[in-house]
Each structure stands twice: as structure tokens, then as C-alpha cells.
């Protein structure tokens, strides 16, 4: 396993991050495809054995049960000082007023709830899951700064938003002397490359780590276009990501299949290798619900795509509407 600094920080993270949205109780929250605790633990253990030290979850994943499963597994399988644990805040955790968002009240409450579920004194990376248009950014950034100064988070990060919003947040923190974001978790893969226009260059210029979510486009890049999975059949949000560009997206999937066939490797390795070769990218967030998922992810680290292969993979792409920011 290779390791890299997260942005300008001195913290080392593995070049792959295990995304833990797939671990949680299926009858809690909106993810009917999730694995229960008994099913999830072997994947967390195997990730550690492969050298992955970076784990990402969120308070909203399976109504908090993802954090509980991840916390218990890491306590049993890892040295807390050697792993990097990331979670997120923003999504609605309960009905009624103040049940979500990025107000001071919500942030200071939710960090404590997340730590309780994780069974930890601190998280290494506390991320805002999305932009909150209903809360002044000054309120959000000061609250996050206070979370760091209280020792409940080592660093803070952001997730999908417009580049101007991210820069506004960073500027707000800078002028007040508050903690700035060290990472951006955004949506980057061969089927959605809009982040290459503004956000990736911004992060690279400013030394912000990039940890893309869904680098395999929820599995669409790993199988024939007509094939489906239990997740794709039950993933209402996922279906909204590609409906408008199906013809072009199909050609991208076919290009991945062709390059993978020529190299004699699974498609997942080619699609992930493309993300890993983006100079701005620190560590893609990979999900694992089958034994070969982690093996393919690690194998992708050793694949160096040629300029010609990259051209063939990228050529069918057409501009997409901006998605994933809300």
C-alpha cells in the first residue's frame, strides 16, 4: 500500500479510502442494500490487512448504524492511533427543527452523537456533507473551528459543492483565523468529469486533498450497461446521476471494457486507475461488498495507463449537468 499526505497536512493516508456507506442496518435509513454488522466486519478487517488506514462514513448512513459498526470493528481490529477515521455532518438525522444542516447547534450536537456511536474521543477528519444555504458560512466555519479546538476533530473537510462556495468558506476561515478545510470529497469518475473544470484545479492550486466518492460510478463502470445489481435496483439517488447522458455514458463504459480486455484485468481496475492518475486526487473512496472489490482496488494502484489509453477512455465523454451538490 502507498501512503500520501492529506493535502497540506502532515497526516499520512493510504492511497485508497474504504467508504463505509454500505455497512449498516438495511431497515434503518435509505440504503436497502447495506450489509449488516456480521457481514461488514470482514471487509473492514481485510482493508486493514491490505494496508488501508483511511475509513470514511457519515452520521446519516443507515441512521447512524454505519458509524456504530465501523467504530466497533476498528476497536477490535486496529490501533486507533494508526487509522484515519472520517465522518460527516449535514444530513437530516431526525424530523422537526434543527434535525439537520450546518448551524452551530447542529454541528456541536452531531459531533458528540457521532463520537458516541463510533466509540471514539475524536475523529481525524470531520466533513460537511454538503453546502447549507440556510446557515451563514461564518456560523458554520466558527463552529467547525471550535470542534477542532475542543479536540473532537483533528482536521475538517468539505464535500460536493460549487468551487465558489468552497473558496468562500476557505476565505471566511482565513480572515477570521479559523480552521480551514484540508480536503474535498467530490464526485469524480469517467462518467462524471465536471469537477475537472473548476474544483480539481482549485484544490491542486491550494494544496487541498481530494478524496472522490463513487470513483466507479456506483458500479456502472465495472459491468455491461444492461446489467444491474441489488444496489442499482434500489438506489433512487444513483438513478438520477446518469439518466440524461445515457448514449454517451454507454460508450464510455464500452471503452473501459475494451481497455480492460486488452490488459486482461477487471474493468474496475481500469476505471479506478484513471481516477488515481489524476494529479489532484489523493485517495478515491472505494466501496466493498464482495471479496474481489478490495483486491481490484489495490491492484489498480499498480496500473499505469498510457496516454493513448486515457485518450480512448475520455474521448466519448460529453458535458453533463452539474449533479451531486445537494
Protein backbone atom coordinates (compact mmCIF):
# COMPACT_ATOMS: atom_id res chain seq x y z
CA UNK A 1 0.00 0.00 0.00
CA UNK A 2 1.17 3.50 -0.83
CA UNK A 3 0.62 6.43 1.55
CA UNK A 4 0.30 10.14 0.85
CA UNK A 5 -0.17 13.34 2.85
CA UNK A 6 -3.74 14.57 3.00
CA UNK A 7 -3.45 17.96 1.36
CA UNK A 8 -1.04 20.27 3.16
CA UNK A 9 -1.35 18.37 6.43
CA UNK A 10 1.31 16.12 7.89
CA UNK A 11 -1.15 13.23 8.19
CA UNK A 12 -0.50 10.13 6.08
CA UNK A 13 -3.44 8.36 4.48
CA UNK A 14 -3.50 5.29 2.28
CA UNK A 15 -3.98 5.90 -1.43
CA UNK A 16 -7.34 4.17 -1.06
CA UNK A 17 -10.06 5.08 1.41
CA UNK A 18 -12.67 2.49 2.40
CA UNK A 19 -16.12 4.00 2.03
CA UNK A 20 -18.44 2.63 4.70
CA UNK A 21 -21.85 3.66 3.38
CA UNK A 22 -22.52 0.02 2.52
CA UNK A 23 -22.17 -1.07 6.15
CA UNK A 24 -25.26 -0.54 8.27
CA UNK A 25 -28.69 -1.90 9.11
CA UNK A 26 -30.78 -2.15 5.95
CA UNK A 27 -34.00 -1.28 7.76
CA UNK A 28 -32.51 1.98 9.04
CA UNK A 29 -32.10 4.91 6.69
CA UNK A 30 -32.35 4.90 2.89
CA UNK A 31 -29.87 2.20 1.85
CA UNK A 32 -31.63 -1.14 1.45
CA UNK A 33 -28.51 -2.85 0.03
CA UNK A 34 -26.30 -2.42 3.10
CA UNK A 35 -24.50 -5.27 4.85
CA UNK A 36 -25.22 -5.94 8.50
CA UNK A 37 -22.51 -5.93 11.16
CA UNK A 38 -21.55 -9.59 10.82
CA UNK A 39 -21.27 -9.23 7.04
CA UNK A 40 -19.40 -5.91 7.22
CA UNK A 41 -16.62 -6.75 9.65
CA UNK A 42 -14.59 -9.00 7.30
CA UNK A 43 -14.31 -6.17 4.77
CA UNK A 44 -13.03 -3.71 7.37
CA UNK A 45 -10.59 -6.30 8.65
CA UNK A 46 -9.36 -7.15 5.15
CA UNK A 47 -8.92 -3.45 4.31
CA UNK A 48 -6.65 -3.09 7.32
CA UNK A 49 -4.69 -6.20 6.34
CA UNK A 50 -4.16 -4.71 2.87
CA UNK A 51 -2.72 -1.55 4.42
CA UNK A 52 -5.74 0.73 4.10
CA UNK A 53 -5.74 3.09 7.10
CA UNK A 54 -8.40 5.56 5.89
CA UNK A 55 -12.12 4.95 6.61
CA UNK A 56 -15.00 7.25 5.64
CA UNK A 57 -18.55 7.18 6.99
CA UNK A 58 -21.28 9.72 7.86
CA UNK A 59 -23.87 10.30 10.53
CA UNK A 60 -26.73 9.75 8.05
CA UNK A 61 -25.51 6.41 6.73
CA UNK A 62 -28.11 3.86 7.82
CA UNK A 63 -29.32 6.23 10.52
CA UNK A 64 -26.01 6.18 12.36
CA UNK A 65 -25.55 2.41 12.37
CA UNK A 66 -22.67 2.67 9.89
CA UNK A 67 -20.70 4.68 12.44
CA UNK A 68 -21.51 2.11 15.13
CA UNK A 69 -20.35 -0.83 13.01
CA UNK A 70 -17.18 0.93 11.86
CA UNK A 71 -16.31 2.05 15.38
CA UNK A 72 -16.67 -1.40 16.91
CA UNK A 73 -14.71 -3.07 14.09
CA UNK A 74 -11.82 -0.63 14.28
CA UNK A 75 -11.68 -1.02 18.05
CA UNK A 76 -11.33 -4.78 17.62
CA UNK A 77 -9.02 -4.88 14.60
CA UNK A 78 -6.86 -1.72 14.69
CA UNK A 79 -4.72 0.58 16.77
CA UNK A 80 -6.73 3.82 16.96
CA UNK A 81 -3.59 5.93 16.56
CA UNK A 82 -2.77 4.24 13.24
CA UNK A 83 -6.11 4.70 11.49
CA UNK A 84 -7.68 7.81 9.97
CA UNK A 85 -11.41 8.00 10.63
CA UNK A 86 -13.62 10.42 8.73
CA UNK A 87 -17.29 11.15 9.20
CA UNK A 88 -19.70 13.81 8.02
CA UNK A 89 -22.42 16.19 9.17
CA UNK A 90 -25.29 17.95 7.37
CA UNK A 91 -27.97 15.39 6.55
CA UNK A 92 -31.21 15.20 8.47
CA UNK A 93 -30.95 12.90 11.49
CA UNK A 94 -34.42 13.44 12.90
CA UNK A 95 -37.65 15.24 11.94
CA UNK A 96 -38.51 18.69 13.14
CA UNK A 97 -36.47 21.86 13.68
CA UNK A 98 -32.68 21.57 13.98
CA UNK A 99 -32.66 17.97 12.81
CA UNK A 100 -30.03 18.62 10.15
CA UNK A 101 -27.96 21.30 8.45
CA UNK A 102 -24.81 23.14 9.44
CA UNK A 103 -25.92 25.50 12.18
CA UNK A 104 -23.77 25.83 15.28
CA UNK A 105 -26.44 23.94 17.19
CA UNK A 106 -26.47 21.06 14.70
CA UNK A 107 -22.69 20.75 14.36
CA UNK A 108 -21.95 20.79 18.08
CA UNK A 109 -24.71 18.26 18.74
CA UNK A 110 -23.90 15.94 15.86
CA UNK A 111 -20.17 15.68 16.54
CA UNK A 112 -20.99 14.39 20.02
CA UNK A 113 -23.55 11.92 18.65
CA UNK A 114 -21.08 10.68 16.03
CA UNK A 115 -18.32 10.20 18.59
CA UNK A 116 -20.70 8.30 20.85
CA UNK A 117 -21.70 5.96 18.02
CA UNK A 118 -18.09 5.48 16.91
CA UNK A 119 -16.96 4.88 20.49
CA UNK A 120 -14.12 7.37 19.99
CA UNK A 121 -12.86 10.53 21.62
CA UNK A 122 -12.15 12.23 18.30
CA UNK A 123 -12.38 11.81 14.53
CA UNK A 124 -9.45 12.58 12.29
CA UNK A 125 -11.50 14.30 9.59
CA UNK A 126 -14.89 15.95 10.18
CA UNK A 127 -16.56 16.89 6.89
CA UNK A 128 -19.58 18.94 5.93
CA UNK A 129 -21.61 16.60 3.74
CA UNK A 130 -23.00 19.38 1.55
CA UNK A 131 -23.38 23.17 1.50
CA UNK A 132 -26.11 24.59 3.73
CA UNK A 133 -27.76 27.58 2.03
CA UNK A 134 -29.81 28.33 5.13
CA UNK A 135 -26.91 28.96 7.54
CA UNK A 136 -24.34 31.78 7.29
CA UNK A 137 -20.97 30.33 6.36
CA UNK A 138 -19.41 32.32 9.24
CA UNK A 139 -21.54 30.37 11.71
CA UNK A 140 -20.59 27.04 10.16
CA UNK A 141 -16.85 27.71 9.96
CA UNK A 142 -16.59 29.05 13.50
CA UNK A 143 -18.47 26.02 14.86
CA UNK A 144 -16.15 23.65 12.98
CA UNK A 145 -13.15 25.59 14.30
CA UNK A 146 -14.47 25.13 17.83
CA UNK A 147 -14.89 21.38 17.23
CA UNK A 148 -11.20 21.18 16.27
CA UNK A 149 -10.05 23.32 19.20
CA UNK A 150 -12.09 21.15 21.57
CA UNK A 151 -10.06 18.15 20.39
CA UNK A 152 -13.06 16.39 18.87
CA UNK A 153 -11.67 16.50 15.32
CA UNK A 154 -8.10 16.77 14.05
CA UNK A 155 -8.98 18.31 10.67
CA UNK A 156 -12.06 19.42 8.76
CA UNK A 157 -13.11 18.78 5.18
CA UNK A 158 -15.90 19.56 2.74
CA UNK A 159 -17.89 17.61 0.19
CA UNK A 160 -19.65 18.27 -3.13
CA UNK A 161 -20.35 21.95 -3.77
CA UNK A 162 -19.53 24.66 -6.28
CA UNK A 163 -15.96 25.94 -6.39
CA UNK A 164 -17.08 29.46 -5.46
CA UNK A 165 -18.78 28.11 -2.33
CA UNK A 166 -15.68 26.20 -1.29
CA UNK A 167 -13.46 29.23 -1.84
CA UNK A 168 -15.89 31.44 0.11
CA UNK A 169 -15.71 29.04 3.06
CA UNK A 170 -11.91 28.96 2.95
CA UNK A 171 -11.69 32.75 2.74
CA UNK A 172 -14.11 33.15 5.64
CA UNK A 173 -11.97 30.89 7.82
CA UNK A 174 -8.77 32.60 6.75
CA UNK A 175 -9.84 36.15 7.53
CA UNK A 176 -11.07 35.12 10.99
CA UNK A 177 -8.13 32.89 11.84
CA UNK A 178 -10.34 29.81 11.95
CA UNK A 179 -9.51 26.27 10.85
CA UNK A 180 -9.66 25.77 7.07
CA UNK A 181 -10.77 22.73 5.13
CA UNK A 182 -7.93 20.36 4.26
CA UNK A 183 -9.90 18.12 1.90
CA UNK A 184 -12.66 17.99 -0.67
CA UNK A 185 -14.80 14.87 -1.11
CA UNK A 186 -16.40 15.29 -4.52
CA UNK A 187 -17.88 13.23 -7.33
CA UNK A 188 -15.24 12.19 -9.89
CA UNK A 189 -15.24 9.27 -12.33
CA UNK A 190 -15.16 8.55 -16.06
CA UNK A 191 -18.92 9.11 -16.30
CA UNK A 192 -18.86 12.46 -14.47
CA UNK A 193 -15.88 14.73 -15.10
CA UNK A 194 -17.36 18.16 -14.47
CA UNK A 195 -15.17 18.61 -11.39
CA UNK A 196 -12.17 18.83 -13.72
CA UNK A 197 -13.36 22.29 -14.84
CA UNK A 198 -13.06 24.20 -11.56
CA UNK A 199 -12.86 22.17 -8.35
CA UNK A 200 -9.91 19.89 -9.11
CA UNK A 201 -7.68 22.73 -10.36
CA UNK A 202 -8.68 24.82 -7.34
CA UNK A 203 -7.80 22.05 -4.89
CA UNK A 204 -4.49 21.34 -6.60
CA UNK A 205 -3.59 25.02 -6.60
CA UNK A 206 -4.46 25.47 -2.92
CA UNK A 207 -3.00 22.19 -1.67
CA UNK A 208 -6.35 20.69 -0.70
CA UNK A 209 -6.58 16.89 -0.65
CA UNK A 210 -9.17 15.34 -2.97
CA UNK A 211 -10.96 12.14 -1.92
CA UNK A 212 -13.53 11.41 -4.65
CA UNK A 213 -16.70 9.49 -3.90
CA UNK A 214 -18.12 6.91 -6.29
CA UNK A 215 -14.99 6.57 -8.47
CA UNK A 216 -16.61 3.57 -10.20
CA UNK A 217 -19.92 5.38 -10.78
CA UNK A 218 -21.81 3.09 -8.40
CA UNK A 219 -20.51 0.09 -10.30
CA UNK A 220 -21.70 1.17 -13.74
CA UNK A 221 -18.13 1.29 -15.00
CA UNK A 222 -17.50 -2.30 -13.91
CA UNK A 223 -20.20 -4.14 -15.91
CA UNK A 224 -22.12 -4.09 -19.18
CA UNK A 225 -24.59 -1.22 -19.45
CA UNK A 226 -27.64 -3.50 -19.33
CA UNK A 227 -26.52 -5.33 -16.20
CA UNK A 228 -27.75 -4.27 -12.77
CA UNK A 229 -27.07 -5.00 -9.14
CA UNK A 230 -29.15 -5.09 -5.99
CA UNK A 231 -27.87 -1.63 -5.18
CA UNK A 232 -28.63 -0.12 -8.60
CA UNK A 233 -32.14 -1.56 -8.48
CA UNK A 234 -32.80 0.09 -5.10
CA UNK A 235 -30.72 3.26 -5.43
CA UNK A 236 -33.08 6.12 -6.22
CA UNK A 237 -30.33 8.76 -5.92
CA UNK A 238 -27.99 6.79 -8.16
CA UNK A 239 -30.57 6.63 -10.94
CA UNK A 240 -30.68 10.42 -11.08
CA UNK A 241 -26.95 10.69 -11.83
CA UNK A 242 -26.87 9.31 -15.38
CA UNK A 243 -30.32 9.38 -16.95
CA UNK A 244 -29.72 12.39 -19.20
CA UNK A 245 -26.49 11.21 -20.89
CA UNK A 246 -27.12 7.52 -21.41
CA UNK A 247 -25.87 7.26 -25.01
CA UNK A 248 -22.50 8.87 -24.32
CA UNK A 249 -22.13 7.13 -20.96
CA UNK A 250 -22.67 3.77 -22.61
CA UNK A 251 -19.76 4.48 -24.97
CA UNK A 252 -17.52 5.31 -22.00
CA UNK A 253 -18.44 2.01 -20.35
CA UNK A 254 -17.63 0.20 -23.60
CA UNK A 255 -14.24 1.95 -23.79
CA UNK A 256 -13.44 0.80 -20.25
CA UNK A 257 -14.41 -2.75 -21.19
CA UNK A 258 -12.16 -2.68 -24.27
CA UNK A 259 -9.07 -1.40 -22.44
CA UNK A 260 -9.65 -3.88 -19.62
CA UNK A 261 -9.97 -6.74 -22.11
CA UNK A 262 -6.72 -5.75 -23.83
CA UNK A 263 -4.88 -5.69 -20.50
CA UNK A 264 -6.54 -8.83 -19.20
CA UNK A 265 -7.78 -7.20 -15.99
CA UNK A 266 -11.22 -6.46 -14.49
CA UNK A 267 -12.88 -3.22 -15.60
CA UNK A 268 -12.89 -1.88 -12.06
CA UNK A 269 -9.10 -1.73 -12.10
CA UNK A 270 -9.03 0.37 -15.26
CA UNK A 271 -11.75 2.80 -14.11
CA UNK A 272 -10.10 3.28 -10.72
CA UNK A 273 -6.61 3.62 -12.23
CA UNK A 274 -7.93 6.54 -14.30
CA UNK A 275 -9.06 8.34 -11.13
CA UNK A 276 -5.80 7.58 -9.33
CA UNK A 277 -3.77 9.12 -12.16
CA UNK A 278 -5.48 12.49 -11.79
CA UNK A 279 -2.77 14.66 -10.24
CA UNK A 280 -5.19 16.38 -7.84
CA UNK A 281 -6.54 13.13 -6.40
CA UNK A 282 -5.30 11.95 -3.00
CA UNK A 283 -7.34 8.83 -2.26
CA UNK A 284 -10.51 7.64 -4.02
CA UNK A 285 -13.22 6.33 -1.71
CA UNK A 286 -13.99 2.74 -2.69
CA UNK A 287 -16.87 0.62 -1.50
CA UNK A 288 -16.55 -3.11 -0.89
CA UNK A 289 -19.41 -5.57 -0.57
CA UNK A 290 -17.81 -8.54 -2.37
CA UNK A 291 -14.39 -10.11 -1.67
CA UNK A 292 -12.87 -9.10 -5.01
CA UNK A 293 -13.75 -5.41 -4.60
CA UNK A 294 -10.80 -4.68 -2.32
CA UNK A 295 -8.45 -6.86 -4.37
CA UNK A 296 -9.35 -4.94 -7.53
CA UNK A 297 -8.91 -1.60 -5.77
CA UNK A 298 -5.43 -2.46 -4.54
CA UNK A 299 -4.46 -3.88 -7.94
CA UNK A 300 -5.47 -0.59 -9.58
CA UNK A 301 -2.63 1.12 -7.71
CA UNK A 302 -0.14 -0.77 -9.89
CA UNK A 303 -1.75 0.10 -13.22
CA UNK A 304 -0.22 2.99 -15.17
CA UNK A 305 -2.48 3.88 -18.07
CA UNK A 306 -0.80 5.13 -21.23
CA UNK A 307 -1.66 8.46 -22.81
CA UNK A 308 -3.37 6.57 -25.63
CA UNK A 309 -5.48 4.53 -23.22
CA UNK A 310 -6.50 7.66 -21.34
CA UNK A 311 -7.46 9.33 -24.63
CA UNK A 312 -9.67 6.37 -25.56
CA UNK A 313 -11.32 6.33 -22.14
CA UNK A 314 -12.03 10.07 -22.15
CA UNK A 315 -12.94 10.62 -25.80
CA UNK A 316 -16.64 9.59 -25.64
CA UNK A 317 -17.41 11.93 -22.75
CA UNK A 318 -19.94 14.74 -23.23
CA UNK A 319 -20.64 17.62 -20.81
CA UNK A 320 -23.02 16.71 -18.01
CA UNK A 321 -25.36 18.85 -15.95
CA UNK A 322 -23.92 19.59 -12.52
CA UNK A 323 -25.11 16.94 -10.09
CA UNK A 324 -24.37 15.74 -6.59
CA UNK A 325 -24.19 19.16 -4.96
CA UNK A 326 -27.39 18.81 -2.97
